[in-house]
Amino acid sequence: MSIKTLFTIGAVITGLLGVAWLFAPSFMLADWGLPDDAATVYMARRCGAMFFGYSTILWVARGASASPARRAIVTGGLVLTLVLTAVTLVGVLGGTIGPRAWIVVVIEALLAAGFGYHLTTDRS
């Protein structure tokens, strides 16, 4: 998969997550089996804002040629997706979030693999 495709897929996924967490936090929280109290909804919306920001970075960087800046974006993507995978995995295994989140673990792990691949093959 090309880096442009990886960045595009990552941008679309994080953009959709940004919309969902920002504008429909109660729905998203219910889907994860979490309460939708005011503090949790607030933090969910902050999460949505961060997804929007990351989506923008990936979208704008889609056409970037090999450079230290692109390598930094790939490195950040790898760290982000590895940490998200671990956090989601712990949440599912610990029973904090519902078993439907396994699909999220798979998606995050696949994105991490894509970023990891490009980090090891991009010699910028």
Protein backbone atom coordinates (compact mmCIF):
# COMPACT_ATOMS: atom_id res chain seq x y z
CA MET A 1 0.00 0.00 0.00
CA SER A 2 1.38 3.40 -0.93
CA ILE A 3 1.91 6.03 1.71
CA LYS A 4 -0.68 8.20 -0.05
CA THR A 5 -3.25 5.42 0.32
CA LEU A 6 -2.32 4.87 3.97
CA PHE A 7 -2.61 8.59 4.73
CA THR A 8 -5.93 8.77 2.87
CA ILE A 9 -7.42 5.78 4.70
CA GLY A 10 -6.13 7.12 8.03
CA ALA A 11 -7.54 10.58 7.28
CA VAL A 12 -10.97 9.22 6.38
CA ILE A 13 -11.17 6.92 9.41
CA THR A 14 -10.02 9.59 11.86
CA GLY A 15 -12.23 12.19 10.18
CA LEU A 16 -15.29 9.97 10.61
CA LEU A 17 -14.31 9.28 14.21
CA GLY A 18 -13.92 13.00 14.76
CA VAL A 19 -17.46 13.63 13.49
CA ALA A 20 -18.89 10.78 15.55
CA TRP A 21 -17.15 11.60 18.84
CA LEU A 22 -17.72 15.35 18.51
CA PHE A 23 -21.33 15.40 17.31
CA ALA A 24 -22.74 12.08 18.58
CA PRO A 25 -20.78 11.28 21.73
CA SER A 26 -23.70 9.63 23.53
CA PHE A 27 -24.22 7.22 20.63
CA MET A 28 -20.51 6.38 20.52
CA LEU A 29 -20.30 5.93 24.29
CA ALA A 30 -23.35 3.65 24.28
CA ASP A 31 -21.80 1.60 21.47
CA TRP A 32 -18.72 1.12 23.65
CA GLY A 33 -20.87 0.32 26.70
CA LEU A 34 -19.80 3.47 28.55
CA PRO A 35 -21.91 5.97 30.53
CA ASP A 36 -22.87 9.24 28.90
CA ASP A 37 -22.58 11.51 31.92
CA ALA A 38 -21.54 15.13 31.36
CA ALA A 39 -17.85 14.61 32.13
CA THR A 40 -17.54 11.58 29.84
CA VAL A 41 -19.37 13.36 26.99
CA TYR A 42 -17.03 16.33 27.43
CA MET A 43 -13.93 14.11 27.19
CA ALA A 44 -15.43 12.26 24.21
CA ARG A 45 -15.85 15.57 22.39
CA ARG A 46 -12.23 16.49 23.15
CA CYS A 47 -11.22 13.14 21.68
CA GLY A 48 -13.28 13.97 18.60
CA ALA A 49 -11.45 17.29 18.23
CA MET A 50 -8.09 15.49 18.35
CA PHE A 51 -9.25 13.00 15.72
CA PHE A 52 -10.21 15.95 13.49
CA GLY A 53 -6.76 17.47 13.92
CA TYR A 54 -4.98 14.23 13.12
CA SER A 55 -7.25 13.66 10.14
CA THR A 56 -6.28 17.07 8.80
CA ILE A 57 -2.57 16.33 9.20
CA LEU A 58 -2.90 13.06 7.29
CA TRP A 59 -5.09 14.57 4.56
CA VAL A 60 -2.77 17.49 3.92
CA ALA A 61 0.31 15.24 3.97
CA ARG A 62 -1.07 12.74 1.43
CA GLY A 63 0.98 14.18 -1.42
CA ALA A 64 4.14 14.90 0.57
CA SER A 65 7.33 13.53 -0.85
CA ALA A 66 9.84 11.66 1.29
CA SER A 67 11.23 14.09 3.85
CA PRO A 68 11.97 14.38 7.57
CA ALA A 69 8.52 15.97 8.02
CA ARG A 70 6.75 13.04 6.37
CA ARG A 71 8.84 10.63 8.45
CA ALA A 72 7.72 12.51 11.58
CA ILE A 73 4.08 12.12 10.55
CA VAL A 74 4.58 8.39 9.92
CA THR A 75 6.35 8.01 13.28
CA GLY A 76 3.54 9.86 15.04
CA GLY A 77 1.00 7.67 13.25
CA LEU A 78 2.79 4.54 14.40
CA VAL A 79 2.97 5.70 18.01
CA LEU A 80 -0.67 6.83 17.98
CA THR A 81 -2.02 3.61 16.50
CA LEU A 82 0.13 1.36 18.69
CA VAL A 83 -1.00 3.15 21.85
CA LEU A 84 -4.65 3.16 20.70
CA THR A 85 -4.42 -0.56 19.93
CA ALA A 86 -3.00 -1.29 23.38
CA VAL A 87 -5.56 0.89 25.19
CA THR A 88 -8.47 -0.61 23.27
CA LEU A 89 -7.15 -4.13 23.80
CA VAL A 90 -6.83 -3.57 27.56
CA GLY A 91 -10.35 -2.09 27.61
CA VAL A 92 -11.87 -5.09 25.82
CA LEU A 93 -9.93 -7.71 27.79
CA GLY A 94 -10.68 -5.95 31.09
CA GLY A 95 -14.39 -5.66 30.32
CA THR A 96 -14.39 -1.86 30.42
CA ILE A 97 -15.68 -1.68 26.86
CA GLY A 98 -17.86 -4.12 24.96
CA PRO A 99 -16.65 -6.97 22.76
CA ARG A 100 -17.72 -5.12 19.60
CA ALA A 101 -14.56 -3.06 20.09
CA TRP A 102 -12.52 -6.01 18.79
CA ILE A 103 -13.06 -4.62 15.30
CA VAL A 104 -11.45 -1.38 16.50
CA VAL A 105 -8.45 -3.35 17.79
CA VAL A 106 -8.07 -4.93 14.34
CA ILE A 107 -8.39 -1.61 12.47
CA GLU A 108 -5.93 0.14 14.79
CA ALA A 109 -3.45 -2.75 14.52
CA LEU A 110 -3.69 -2.72 10.71
CA LEU A 111 -3.04 1.02 10.64
CA ALA A 112 -0.09 0.51 13.00
CA ALA A 113 1.28 -2.15 10.65
CA GLY A 114 0.96 0.25 7.72
CA PHE A 115 2.73 3.05 9.55
CA GLY A 116 5.39 0.62 10.79
CA TYR A 117 5.98 -0.67 7.27
CA HIS A 118 6.42 2.83 5.88
CA LEU A 119 8.62 3.87 8.77
CA THR A 120 11.00 1.01 8.03
CA THR A 121 10.99 1.47 4.24
CA ASP A 122 10.95 5.30 3.94
CA ARG A 123 14.57 6.44 3.92
CA SER A 124 13.98 10.19 4.08
